[in-house]
N, C-alpha and C. Protein backbone atom coordinates (compact mmCIF):
# COMPACT_ATOMS: atom_id res chain seq x y z
N UNK A 1 0.84 -1.21 0.00
CA UNK A 1 0.00 0.00 0.00
C UNK A 1 0.87 1.26 0.00
N UNK A 2 1.90 1.26 0.87
CA UNK A 2 2.79 2.42 0.97
C UNK A 2 3.53 2.63 -0.34
N UNK A 3 3.99 1.54 -0.95
CA UNK A 3 4.72 1.66 -2.21
C UNK A 3 3.82 2.18 -3.32
N UNK A 4 2.56 1.74 -3.33
CA UNK A 4 1.62 2.20 -4.37
C UNK A 4 1.35 3.70 -4.23
N UNK A 5 1.29 4.20 -2.97
CA UNK A 5 1.10 5.63 -2.74
C UNK A 5 2.30 6.42 -3.24
N UNK A 6 3.51 5.89 -2.99
CA UNK A 6 4.72 6.56 -3.44
C UNK A 6 4.77 6.63 -4.96
N UNK A 7 4.39 5.53 -5.61
CA UNK A 7 4.37 5.50 -7.07
C UNK A 7 3.34 6.48 -7.63
N UNK A 8 2.21 6.60 -6.93
CA UNK A 8 1.16 7.52 -7.36
C UNK A 8 1.65 8.96 -7.27
N UNK A 9 2.35 9.28 -6.19
CA UNK A 9 2.91 10.63 -6.04
C UNK A 9 3.93 10.92 -7.12
N UNK A 10 4.79 9.94 -7.41
CA UNK A 10 5.78 10.11 -8.47
C UNK A 10 5.12 10.31 -9.83
N UNK A 11 4.02 9.61 -10.06
CA UNK A 11 3.28 9.76 -11.32
C UNK A 11 2.68 11.15 -11.44
N UNK A 12 2.15 11.66 -10.33
CA UNK A 12 1.58 13.02 -10.31
C UNK A 12 2.65 14.05 -10.66
N UNK A 13 3.82 13.90 -10.04
CA UNK A 13 4.93 14.84 -10.29
C UNK A 13 5.41 14.74 -11.73
N UNK A 14 5.57 13.51 -12.22
CA UNK A 14 6.03 13.28 -13.60
C UNK A 14 5.06 13.89 -14.60
N UNK A 15 3.76 13.65 -14.39
CA UNK A 15 2.74 14.18 -15.29
C UNK A 15 2.73 15.70 -15.26
N UNK A 16 2.92 16.26 -14.07
CA UNK A 16 2.95 17.72 -13.92
C UNK A 16 4.10 18.33 -14.72
N UNK A 17 5.27 17.72 -14.65
CA UNK A 17 6.45 18.22 -15.37
C UNK A 17 6.23 18.13 -16.88
N UNK A 18 5.72 16.99 -17.35
CA UNK A 18 5.51 16.78 -18.78
C UNK A 18 4.48 17.77 -19.34
N UNK A 19 3.42 18.00 -18.58
CA UNK A 19 2.35 18.88 -19.05
C UNK A 19 2.68 20.37 -18.95
N UNK A 20 3.76 20.69 -18.27
CA UNK A 20 4.09 22.11 -18.06
C UNK A 20 5.56 22.41 -18.39
N UNK A 21 6.02 21.86 -19.50
CA UNK A 21 7.42 22.04 -19.89
C UNK A 21 7.80 23.50 -20.06
N UNK A 22 6.96 24.24 -20.76
CA UNK A 22 7.25 25.65 -21.04
C UNK A 22 7.31 26.46 -19.74
N UNK A 23 6.36 26.19 -18.86
CA UNK A 23 6.33 26.90 -17.59
C UNK A 23 7.57 26.61 -16.75
N UNK A 24 8.00 25.35 -16.77
CA UNK A 24 9.22 24.99 -16.03
C UNK A 24 10.44 25.69 -16.62
N UNK A 25 10.49 25.81 -17.93
CA UNK A 25 11.61 26.49 -18.57
C UNK A 25 11.65 27.96 -18.17
N UNK A 26 10.49 28.61 -18.12
CA UNK A 26 10.42 30.02 -17.74
C UNK A 26 10.86 30.21 -16.28
N UNK A 27 10.31 29.40 -15.39
CA UNK A 27 10.63 29.52 -13.96
C UNK A 27 12.09 29.17 -13.70
N UNK A 28 12.60 28.14 -14.37
CA UNK A 28 14.01 27.76 -14.21
C UNK A 28 14.93 28.88 -14.71
N UNK A 29 14.54 29.53 -15.79
CA UNK A 29 15.32 30.65 -16.32
C UNK A 29 15.37 31.80 -15.32
N UNK A 30 14.24 32.10 -14.69
CA UNK A 30 14.20 33.15 -13.67
C UNK A 30 15.11 32.80 -12.49
N UNK A 31 15.11 31.54 -12.11
CA UNK A 31 15.97 31.08 -11.00
C UNK A 31 17.45 31.23 -11.37
N UNK A 32 17.79 30.86 -12.60
CA UNK A 32 19.18 30.97 -13.08
C UNK A 32 19.61 32.44 -13.14
N UNK A 33 18.69 33.31 -13.58
CA UNK A 33 18.98 34.75 -13.59
C UNK A 33 19.28 35.23 -12.17
N UNK A 34 18.50 34.74 -11.20
CA UNK A 34 18.73 35.09 -9.80
C UNK A 34 20.11 34.65 -9.33
N UNK A 35 20.51 33.42 -9.69
CA UNK A 35 21.85 32.92 -9.33
C UNK A 35 22.94 33.81 -9.92
N UNK A 36 22.77 34.14 -11.19
CA UNK A 36 23.74 35.00 -11.89
C UNK A 36 23.86 36.36 -11.20
N UNK A 37 22.72 36.95 -10.83
CA UNK A 37 22.73 38.25 -10.15
C UNK A 37 23.41 38.17 -8.79
N UNK A 38 23.20 37.04 -8.07
CA UNK A 38 23.85 36.84 -6.78
C UNK A 38 25.36 36.77 -6.90
N UNK A 39 25.84 36.02 -7.89
CA UNK A 39 27.28 35.90 -8.14
C UNK A 39 27.86 37.25 -8.55
N UNK A 40 27.15 37.94 -9.42
CA UNK A 40 27.59 39.26 -9.91
C UNK A 40 27.67 40.26 -8.77
N UNK A 41 26.71 40.19 -7.86
CA UNK A 41 26.68 41.11 -6.72
C UNK A 41 27.91 40.94 -5.84
N UNK A 42 28.23 39.68 -5.51
CA UNK A 42 29.39 39.41 -4.64
C UNK A 42 30.69 39.85 -5.31
N UNK A 43 30.79 39.61 -6.61
CA UNK A 43 32.02 39.93 -7.33
C UNK A 43 32.22 41.43 -7.54
N UNK A 44 31.18 42.22 -7.30
CA UNK A 44 31.28 43.66 -7.59
C UNK A 44 31.01 44.55 -6.37
N UNK A 45 30.92 43.96 -5.18
CA UNK A 45 30.68 44.79 -3.99
C UNK A 45 31.97 45.46 -3.53
N UNK A 46 31.81 46.51 -2.71
CA UNK A 46 32.94 47.26 -2.20
C UNK A 46 33.70 46.43 -1.16
N UNK A 47 34.87 46.93 -0.78
CA UNK A 47 35.75 46.19 0.12
C UNK A 47 35.13 46.00 1.51
N UNK A 48 34.47 47.02 2.04
CA UNK A 48 33.89 46.90 3.40
C UNK A 48 32.82 45.82 3.51
N UNK A 49 31.82 45.82 2.60
CA UNK A 49 30.83 44.73 2.64
C UNK A 49 31.46 43.35 2.41
N UNK A 50 32.46 43.31 1.53
CA UNK A 50 33.13 42.03 1.27
C UNK A 50 33.86 41.56 2.52
N UNK A 51 34.44 42.50 3.27
CA UNK A 51 35.13 42.15 4.52
C UNK A 51 34.14 41.61 5.55
N UNK A 52 32.94 42.19 5.59
CA UNK A 52 31.90 41.72 6.49
C UNK A 52 31.48 40.29 6.15
N UNK A 53 31.33 40.01 4.85
CA UNK A 53 31.00 38.65 4.40
C UNK A 53 32.09 37.67 4.81
N UNK A 54 33.34 38.08 4.60
CA UNK A 54 34.48 37.23 4.94
C UNK A 54 34.50 36.91 6.43
N UNK A 55 34.30 37.94 7.24
CA UNK A 55 34.30 37.74 8.70
C UNK A 55 33.14 36.85 9.14
N UNK A 56 31.98 37.01 8.50
CA UNK A 56 30.81 36.21 8.87
C UNK A 56 31.05 34.73 8.57
N UNK A 57 31.53 34.43 7.36
CA UNK A 57 31.74 33.04 6.97
C UNK A 57 32.85 32.40 7.80
N UNK A 58 33.95 33.13 8.00
CA UNK A 58 35.05 32.59 8.81
C UNK A 58 34.60 32.39 10.26
N UNK A 59 33.78 33.33 10.75
CA UNK A 59 33.25 33.19 12.10
C UNK A 59 32.35 31.98 12.23
N UNK A 60 31.53 31.73 11.20
CA UNK A 60 30.65 30.56 11.20
C UNK A 60 31.46 29.27 11.21
N UNK A 61 32.50 29.22 10.40
CA UNK A 61 33.35 28.03 10.33
C UNK A 61 34.04 27.78 11.67
N UNK A 62 34.57 28.84 12.27
CA UNK A 62 35.24 28.70 13.57
C UNK A 62 34.27 28.28 14.66
N UNK A 63 33.06 28.81 14.61
CA UNK A 63 32.03 28.44 15.59
C UNK A 63 31.69 26.97 15.48
N UNK A 64 31.56 26.48 14.24
CA UNK A 64 31.25 25.06 14.02
C UNK A 64 32.37 24.16 14.51
N UNK A 65 33.60 24.67 14.48
CA UNK A 65 34.74 23.88 14.97
C UNK A 65 34.69 23.70 16.48
N UNK A 66 34.14 24.69 17.17
CA UNK A 66 34.14 24.66 18.64
C UNK A 66 32.89 24.00 19.23
N UNK A 67 31.81 23.96 18.47
CA UNK A 67 30.58 23.35 18.97
C UNK A 67 30.74 21.83 19.03
N UNK A 68 30.50 21.28 20.19
CA UNK A 68 30.64 19.83 20.35
C UNK A 68 29.42 19.08 19.84
N UNK A 69 28.23 19.56 20.20
CA UNK A 69 27.00 18.87 19.81
C UNK A 69 26.01 19.87 19.22
N UNK A 70 25.47 19.54 18.08
CA UNK A 70 24.47 20.39 17.44
C UNK A 70 23.09 20.11 18.03
N UNK A 71 22.31 21.15 18.17
CA UNK A 71 20.92 21.00 18.61
C UNK A 71 20.06 20.70 17.38
N UNK A 72 20.04 19.43 16.99
CA UNK A 72 19.39 19.04 15.74
C UNK A 72 17.91 19.39 15.70
N UNK A 73 17.23 19.17 16.80
CA UNK A 73 15.78 19.40 16.79
C UNK A 73 15.45 20.88 16.66
N UNK A 74 16.22 21.74 17.28
CA UNK A 74 15.99 23.18 17.16
C UNK A 74 16.28 23.65 15.74
N UNK A 75 17.39 23.16 15.18
CA UNK A 75 17.74 23.51 13.81
C UNK A 75 16.70 22.99 12.82
N UNK A 76 16.23 21.76 13.08
CA UNK A 76 15.22 21.16 12.20
C UNK A 76 13.91 21.94 12.27
N UNK A 77 13.52 22.34 13.48
CA UNK A 77 12.29 23.10 13.65
C UNK A 77 12.36 24.42 12.88
N UNK A 78 13.50 25.10 12.96
CA UNK A 78 13.67 26.37 12.24
C UNK A 78 13.64 26.17 10.73
N UNK A 79 14.32 25.13 10.26
CA UNK A 79 14.39 24.86 8.83
C UNK A 79 13.02 24.49 8.27
N UNK A 80 12.31 23.61 8.96
CA UNK A 80 10.97 23.22 8.52
C UNK A 80 10.03 24.42 8.54
N UNK A 81 10.14 25.24 9.59
CA UNK A 81 9.30 26.44 9.70
C UNK A 81 9.50 27.37 8.51
N UNK A 82 10.75 27.57 8.11
CA UNK A 82 11.06 28.43 6.97
C UNK A 82 10.49 27.85 5.68
N UNK A 83 10.62 26.53 5.52
CA UNK A 83 10.12 25.89 4.30
C UNK A 83 8.59 25.88 4.24
N UNK A 84 7.95 25.71 5.39
CA UNK A 84 6.48 25.78 5.44
C UNK A 84 6.02 27.18 5.05
N UNK A 85 6.70 28.19 5.60
CA UNK A 85 6.35 29.58 5.27
C UNK A 85 6.52 29.84 3.77
N UNK A 86 7.61 29.34 3.20
CA UNK A 86 7.86 29.49 1.76
C UNK A 86 6.75 28.83 0.95
N UNK A 87 6.37 27.61 1.33
CA UNK A 87 5.32 26.88 0.61
C UNK A 87 3.99 27.61 0.70
N UNK A 88 3.67 28.13 1.88
CA UNK A 88 2.40 28.85 2.05
C UNK A 88 2.37 30.12 1.20
N UNK A 89 3.48 30.85 1.19
CA UNK A 89 3.54 32.08 0.39
C UNK A 89 3.37 31.78 -1.09
N UNK A 90 4.09 30.76 -1.58
CA UNK A 90 4.00 30.38 -2.99
C UNK A 90 2.60 29.87 -3.33
N UNK A 91 2.02 29.09 -2.41
CA UNK A 91 0.65 28.60 -2.64
C UNK A 91 -0.35 29.75 -2.67
N UNK A 92 -0.26 30.62 -1.67
CA UNK A 92 -1.24 31.70 -1.55
C UNK A 92 -1.19 32.65 -2.74
N UNK A 93 0.01 33.14 -3.06
CA UNK A 93 0.12 34.09 -4.17
C UNK A 93 -0.11 33.42 -5.52
N UNK A 94 0.08 32.09 -5.57
CA UNK A 94 -0.23 31.35 -6.78
C UNK A 94 -1.72 31.23 -7.05
N UNK A 95 -2.53 31.44 -6.02
CA UNK A 95 -3.99 31.35 -6.18
C UNK A 95 -4.62 32.68 -6.55
N UNK A 96 -3.81 33.74 -6.64
CA UNK A 96 -4.34 35.05 -6.99
C UNK A 96 -3.72 35.53 -8.31
N UNK A 97 -4.51 36.19 -9.10
CA UNK A 97 -4.03 36.68 -10.41
C UNK A 97 -2.92 37.71 -10.22
N UNK A 98 -3.10 38.62 -9.26
CA UNK A 98 -2.11 39.68 -9.07
C UNK A 98 -0.88 39.20 -8.30
N UNK A 99 -0.92 37.95 -7.79
CA UNK A 99 0.17 37.46 -6.96
C UNK A 99 1.28 36.78 -7.72
N UNK A 100 1.09 36.52 -9.01
CA UNK A 100 2.10 35.76 -9.76
C UNK A 100 3.43 36.51 -9.87
N UNK A 101 3.45 37.87 -9.94
CA UNK A 101 4.75 38.55 -9.92
C UNK A 101 5.51 38.31 -8.62
N UNK A 102 4.77 38.16 -7.50
CA UNK A 102 5.41 37.85 -6.21
C UNK A 102 6.06 36.47 -6.27
N UNK A 103 5.36 35.52 -6.89
CA UNK A 103 5.90 34.16 -7.06
C UNK A 103 7.19 34.20 -7.86
N UNK A 104 7.17 34.90 -9.00
CA UNK A 104 8.36 35.01 -9.84
C UNK A 104 9.48 35.74 -9.11
N UNK A 105 9.11 36.80 -8.38
CA UNK A 105 10.10 37.56 -7.62
C UNK A 105 10.77 36.71 -6.56
N UNK A 106 9.99 35.84 -5.92
CA UNK A 106 10.53 34.97 -4.88
C UNK A 106 11.49 33.94 -5.48
N UNK A 107 11.16 33.44 -6.67
CA UNK A 107 12.05 32.49 -7.36
C UNK A 107 13.39 33.16 -7.67
N UNK A 108 13.33 34.39 -8.20
CA UNK A 108 14.56 35.13 -8.50
C UNK A 108 15.35 35.39 -7.22
N UNK A 109 14.64 35.75 -6.15
CA UNK A 109 15.30 36.04 -4.87
C UNK A 109 16.02 34.81 -4.32
N UNK A 110 15.35 33.65 -4.39
CA UNK A 110 15.99 32.42 -3.90
C UNK A 110 17.20 32.05 -4.75
N UNK A 111 17.10 32.30 -6.05
CA UNK A 111 18.25 32.09 -6.92
C UNK A 111 19.38 33.04 -6.57
N UNK A 112 19.03 34.30 -6.29
CA UNK A 112 20.01 35.30 -5.90
C UNK A 112 20.73 34.86 -4.62
N UNK A 113 19.98 34.39 -3.63
CA UNK A 113 20.56 33.94 -2.35
C UNK A 113 21.53 32.78 -2.57
N UNK A 114 21.15 31.85 -3.45
CA UNK A 114 22.01 30.71 -3.73
C UNK A 114 23.29 31.16 -4.43
N UNK A 115 23.15 32.00 -5.46
CA UNK A 115 24.33 32.51 -6.17
C UNK A 115 25.22 33.32 -5.26
N UNK A 116 24.61 34.15 -4.43
CA UNK A 116 25.34 34.97 -3.46
C UNK A 116 26.15 34.09 -2.51
N UNK A 117 25.51 33.05 -1.97
CA UNK A 117 26.18 32.16 -1.00
C UNK A 117 27.32 31.38 -1.65
N UNK A 118 27.08 30.86 -2.85
CA UNK A 118 28.12 30.12 -3.57
C UNK A 118 29.33 31.00 -3.82
N UNK A 119 29.08 32.19 -4.37
CA UNK A 119 30.18 33.10 -4.69
C UNK A 119 30.92 33.55 -3.44
N UNK A 120 30.18 33.80 -2.35
CA UNK A 120 30.80 34.24 -1.10
C UNK A 120 31.69 33.15 -0.51
N UNK A 121 31.20 31.92 -0.51
CA UNK A 121 31.99 30.80 0.04
C UNK A 121 33.28 30.60 -0.73
N UNK A 122 33.19 30.63 -2.04
CA UNK A 122 34.38 30.43 -2.89
C UNK A 122 35.35 31.60 -2.73
N UNK A 123 34.81 32.81 -2.62
CA UNK A 123 35.65 34.00 -2.45
C UNK A 123 36.41 33.95 -1.13
N UNK A 124 35.75 33.52 -0.08
CA UNK A 124 36.34 33.55 1.26
C UNK A 124 37.35 32.43 1.48
N UNK A 125 36.99 31.19 1.16
CA UNK A 125 37.86 30.05 1.49
C UNK A 125 38.64 29.51 0.30
N UNK A 126 38.46 30.10 -0.88
CA UNK A 126 39.20 29.65 -2.06
C UNK A 126 38.41 28.62 -2.86
N UNK A 127 38.88 28.36 -4.07
CA UNK A 127 38.13 27.51 -5.00
C UNK A 127 37.96 26.06 -4.54
N UNK A 128 39.04 25.33 -4.24
CA UNK A 128 38.84 23.90 -3.88
C UNK A 128 37.98 23.72 -2.63
N UNK A 129 38.35 24.42 -1.55
CA UNK A 129 37.59 24.30 -0.29
C UNK A 129 36.19 24.90 -0.42
N UNK A 130 36.09 25.97 -1.21
CA UNK A 130 34.79 26.61 -1.42
C UNK A 130 33.80 25.69 -2.09
N UNK A 131 34.28 24.92 -3.07
CA UNK A 131 33.42 23.97 -3.77
C UNK A 131 32.94 22.89 -2.80
N UNK A 132 33.85 22.41 -1.95
CA UNK A 132 33.46 21.40 -0.96
C UNK A 132 32.45 21.98 0.03
N UNK A 133 32.68 23.22 0.44
CA UNK A 133 31.77 23.87 1.37
C UNK A 133 30.38 24.01 0.77
N UNK A 134 30.32 24.41 -0.50
CA UNK A 134 29.05 24.55 -1.21
C UNK A 134 28.37 23.20 -1.36
N UNK A 135 29.14 22.18 -1.69
CA UNK A 135 28.58 20.83 -1.87
C UNK A 135 27.97 20.32 -0.58
N UNK A 136 28.68 20.49 0.53
CA UNK A 136 28.22 19.95 1.81
C UNK A 136 27.01 20.71 2.34
N UNK A 137 27.12 22.04 2.35
CA UNK A 137 26.09 22.86 2.99
C UNK A 137 24.89 23.17 2.10
N UNK A 138 25.10 23.17 0.77
CA UNK A 138 24.03 23.62 -0.12
C UNK A 138 23.50 22.55 -1.06
N UNK A 139 24.40 21.82 -1.70
CA UNK A 139 23.97 20.95 -2.79
C UNK A 139 23.06 19.82 -2.35
N UNK A 140 23.40 19.17 -1.23
CA UNK A 140 22.67 17.97 -0.81
C UNK A 140 21.19 18.24 -0.60
N UNK A 141 20.86 19.25 0.22
CA UNK A 141 19.44 19.53 0.47
C UNK A 141 18.76 20.20 -0.72
N UNK A 142 19.55 20.93 -1.54
CA UNK A 142 18.96 21.63 -2.68
C UNK A 142 18.60 20.70 -3.83
N UNK A 143 19.10 19.47 -3.79
CA UNK A 143 18.70 18.47 -4.78
C UNK A 143 17.19 18.28 -4.75
N UNK A 144 16.60 18.39 -3.54
CA UNK A 144 15.15 18.30 -3.39
C UNK A 144 14.50 19.67 -3.29
N UNK A 145 15.17 20.60 -2.60
CA UNK A 145 14.57 21.90 -2.33
C UNK A 145 14.28 22.69 -3.60
N UNK A 146 15.27 22.78 -4.48
CA UNK A 146 15.11 23.60 -5.70
C UNK A 146 14.00 23.07 -6.61
N UNK A 147 13.98 21.76 -6.95
CA UNK A 147 12.87 21.27 -7.79
C UNK A 147 11.51 21.47 -7.14
N UNK A 148 11.42 21.27 -5.82
CA UNK A 148 10.13 21.45 -5.14
C UNK A 148 9.67 22.90 -5.18
N UNK A 149 10.61 23.83 -4.96
CA UNK A 149 10.27 25.24 -5.01
C UNK A 149 9.84 25.66 -6.41
N UNK A 150 10.58 25.21 -7.43
CA UNK A 150 10.23 25.55 -8.81
C UNK A 150 8.87 24.95 -9.18
N UNK A 151 8.61 23.73 -8.69
CA UNK A 151 7.33 23.08 -8.97
C UNK A 151 6.17 23.85 -8.35
N UNK A 152 6.38 24.37 -7.14
CA UNK A 152 5.36 25.19 -6.50
C UNK A 152 5.08 26.46 -7.32
N UNK A 153 6.14 27.07 -7.82
CA UNK A 153 5.98 28.27 -8.64
C UNK A 153 5.25 27.96 -9.94
N UNK A 154 5.61 26.85 -10.57
CA UNK A 154 4.96 26.44 -11.82
C UNK A 154 3.49 26.13 -11.60
N UNK A 155 3.17 25.48 -10.49
CA UNK A 155 1.78 25.16 -10.17
C UNK A 155 0.95 26.43 -10.04
N UNK A 156 1.53 27.45 -9.38
CA UNK A 156 0.85 28.73 -9.27
C UNK A 156 0.72 29.42 -10.61
N UNK A 157 1.76 29.34 -11.43
CA UNK A 157 1.75 29.92 -12.78
C UNK A 157 0.68 29.25 -13.64
N UNK A 158 0.57 27.93 -13.52
CA UNK A 158 -0.44 27.19 -14.27
C UNK A 158 -1.85 27.61 -13.85
N UNK A 159 -2.06 27.77 -12.54
CA UNK A 159 -3.36 28.21 -12.04
C UNK A 159 -3.69 29.62 -12.54
N UNK A 160 -2.69 30.47 -12.54
CA UNK A 160 -2.86 31.84 -13.04
C UNK A 160 -3.33 31.84 -14.50
N UNK A 161 -2.68 31.01 -15.32
CA UNK A 161 -3.06 30.92 -16.74
C UNK A 161 -4.47 30.36 -16.89
N UNK A 162 -4.83 29.41 -16.03
CA UNK A 162 -6.18 28.83 -16.08
C UNK A 162 -7.24 29.86 -15.74
N UNK A 163 -6.96 30.68 -14.74
CA UNK A 163 -7.91 31.72 -14.33
C UNK A 163 -8.10 32.75 -15.45
N UNK A 164 -6.99 33.10 -16.11
CA UNK A 164 -7.05 34.09 -17.19
C UNK A 164 -7.83 33.56 -18.39
N UNK A 165 -7.59 32.28 -18.73
CA UNK A 165 -8.21 31.70 -19.92
C UNK A 165 -9.66 31.26 -19.69
N UNK A 166 -9.94 30.72 -18.51
CA UNK A 166 -11.25 30.14 -18.24
C UNK A 166 -11.92 30.85 -17.08
N UNK A 167 -13.02 31.56 -17.35
CA UNK A 167 -13.73 32.31 -16.31
C UNK A 167 -14.79 31.47 -15.60
N UNK A 168 -14.93 30.20 -15.99
CA UNK A 168 -15.90 29.32 -15.35
C UNK A 168 -15.47 29.05 -13.90
N UNK A 169 -16.32 29.42 -12.97
CA UNK A 169 -15.97 29.31 -11.55
C UNK A 169 -15.71 27.88 -11.11
N UNK A 170 -16.49 26.94 -11.64
CA UNK A 170 -16.32 25.54 -11.26
C UNK A 170 -14.97 25.00 -11.72
N UNK A 171 -14.58 25.35 -12.94
CA UNK A 171 -13.28 24.92 -13.47
C UNK A 171 -12.13 25.53 -12.66
N UNK A 172 -12.30 26.79 -12.30
CA UNK A 172 -11.28 27.46 -11.50
C UNK A 172 -11.15 26.80 -10.13
N UNK A 173 -12.29 26.44 -9.51
CA UNK A 173 -12.27 25.75 -8.22
C UNK A 173 -11.50 24.43 -8.30
N UNK A 174 -11.74 23.70 -9.39
CA UNK A 174 -11.04 22.42 -9.59
C UNK A 174 -9.53 22.64 -9.67
N UNK A 175 -9.13 23.68 -10.42
CA UNK A 175 -7.71 23.99 -10.57
C UNK A 175 -7.10 24.43 -9.24
N UNK A 176 -7.86 25.16 -8.43
CA UNK A 176 -7.38 25.58 -7.11
C UNK A 176 -7.15 24.37 -6.22
N UNK A 177 -8.07 23.41 -6.27
CA UNK A 177 -7.92 22.18 -5.49
C UNK A 177 -6.69 21.40 -5.94
N UNK A 178 -6.50 21.30 -7.25
CA UNK A 178 -5.32 20.61 -7.79
C UNK A 178 -4.03 21.31 -7.35
N UNK A 179 -4.05 22.62 -7.43
CA UNK A 179 -2.89 23.42 -7.00
C UNK A 179 -2.60 23.19 -5.52
N UNK A 180 -3.63 23.12 -4.71
CA UNK A 180 -3.48 22.92 -3.27
C UNK A 180 -2.91 21.54 -2.96
N UNK A 181 -3.45 20.52 -3.62
CA UNK A 181 -2.96 19.14 -3.40
C UNK A 181 -1.51 19.01 -3.82
N UNK A 182 -1.21 19.56 -4.99
CA UNK A 182 0.17 19.50 -5.50
C UNK A 182 1.12 20.27 -4.59
N UNK A 183 0.66 21.42 -4.08
CA UNK A 183 1.49 22.22 -3.18
C UNK A 183 1.78 21.47 -1.89
N UNK A 184 0.80 20.71 -1.41
CA UNK A 184 1.00 19.91 -0.19
C UNK A 184 2.06 18.83 -0.43
N UNK A 185 2.02 18.21 -1.60
CA UNK A 185 3.03 17.19 -1.94
C UNK A 185 4.42 17.82 -1.96
N UNK A 186 4.52 19.02 -2.58
CA UNK A 186 5.81 19.71 -2.63
C UNK A 186 6.28 20.13 -1.24
N UNK A 187 5.32 20.46 -0.36
CA UNK A 187 5.66 20.80 1.01
C UNK A 187 6.31 19.62 1.72
N UNK A 188 5.79 18.42 1.50
CA UNK A 188 6.37 17.22 2.09
C UNK A 188 7.82 17.04 1.61
N UNK A 189 8.06 17.33 0.33
CA UNK A 189 9.42 17.22 -0.21
C UNK A 189 10.33 18.27 0.41
N UNK A 190 9.80 19.47 0.64
CA UNK A 190 10.57 20.52 1.30
C UNK A 190 10.94 20.12 2.73
N UNK A 191 10.01 19.45 3.41
CA UNK A 191 10.29 18.97 4.77
C UNK A 191 11.41 17.93 4.74
N UNK A 192 11.38 17.05 3.75
CA UNK A 192 12.45 16.05 3.60
C UNK A 192 13.79 16.74 3.36
N UNK A 193 13.77 17.82 2.56
CA UNK A 193 15.01 18.57 2.29
C UNK A 193 15.56 19.19 3.58
N UNK A 194 14.66 19.58 4.49
CA UNK A 194 15.08 20.10 5.79
C UNK A 194 15.77 19.02 6.62
N UNK A 195 15.21 17.82 6.58
CA UNK A 195 15.81 16.69 7.31
C UNK A 195 17.21 16.40 6.77
N UNK A 196 17.34 16.42 5.43
CA UNK A 196 18.65 16.20 4.81
C UNK A 196 19.63 17.28 5.22
N UNK A 197 19.14 18.53 5.23
CA UNK A 197 19.99 19.66 5.59
C UNK A 197 20.55 19.52 7.00
N UNK A 198 19.69 19.18 7.95
CA UNK A 198 20.10 19.17 9.35
C UNK A 198 20.85 17.90 9.74
N UNK A 199 20.34 16.75 9.32
CA UNK A 199 20.92 15.49 9.78
C UNK A 199 22.02 14.94 8.88
N UNK A 200 22.09 15.41 7.64
CA UNK A 200 23.15 14.94 6.74
C UNK A 200 24.16 16.05 6.49
N UNK A 201 23.70 17.17 5.93
CA UNK A 201 24.62 18.25 5.57
C UNK A 201 25.35 18.82 6.78
N UNK A 202 24.60 19.15 7.84
CA UNK A 202 25.23 19.76 9.01
C UNK A 202 26.17 18.79 9.71
N UNK A 203 25.77 17.52 9.82
CA UNK A 203 26.64 16.53 10.47
C UNK A 203 27.90 16.28 9.65
N UNK A 204 27.75 16.23 8.33
CA UNK A 204 28.90 16.04 7.45
C UNK A 204 29.84 17.23 7.54
N UNK A 205 29.26 18.42 7.58
CA UNK A 205 30.07 19.63 7.70
C UNK A 205 30.79 19.66 9.04
N UNK A 206 30.11 19.21 10.10
CA UNK A 206 30.72 19.19 11.44
C UNK A 206 31.94 18.27 11.47
N UNK A 207 31.88 17.19 10.72
CA UNK A 207 33.00 16.24 10.67
C UNK A 207 34.17 16.82 9.87
N UNK A 208 33.85 17.50 8.76
CA UNK A 208 34.88 17.96 7.83
C UNK A 208 35.35 19.39 8.07
N UNK A 209 34.68 20.10 8.99
CA UNK A 209 34.97 21.53 9.17
C UNK A 209 36.42 21.77 9.63
N UNK A 210 37.03 20.82 10.30
CA UNK A 210 38.41 21.00 10.78
C UNK A 210 39.41 21.16 9.64
N UNK A 211 39.02 20.75 8.41
CA UNK A 211 39.91 20.86 7.25
C UNK A 211 39.77 22.21 6.55
N UNK A 212 38.83 23.05 7.01
CA UNK A 212 38.64 24.36 6.37
C UNK A 212 39.47 25.43 7.06
């Protein structure tokens, strides 16, 4: 029974991607633009802000070296809370016609944050160690986080297009229900990404941080 439910969820996701290729391309492009802007920002900031970034990252690394035990449950609660808030915002603004620019803006912003963090890590600790730092702290959980976030944005974009094209209230209600169900599935994936972040990425970083 459990396996059949998992397969059904995978089928829903697969069908969603196939039926919305163009929308995924648009949203993915916005995310990539955000990454590019984040990298560009770090590479072109003044010396004082760059020094602040350097001190923050080095301070974080040194702090992780001295901490003996991580408070996993507190970290997990914070991470899940942030992801739930993100899912709710994307779901809510995806259900309104005027909210779709907010959805797109949030995608660009998350891309900007990722690009900013990648560029900052590499700038501060150097290329080889920076890549490892990015892989440990960012890549593992983002394997699930990024697709789930983009899928939430696409679901809202699809609902927006449905509302614009079809004024039938019953059809719109059906699309809203579909958007809500799909958003809940993506929320579950975001929660899993939080578990990976705290119990895999943070623990792995704690083991390897002495080499940074």
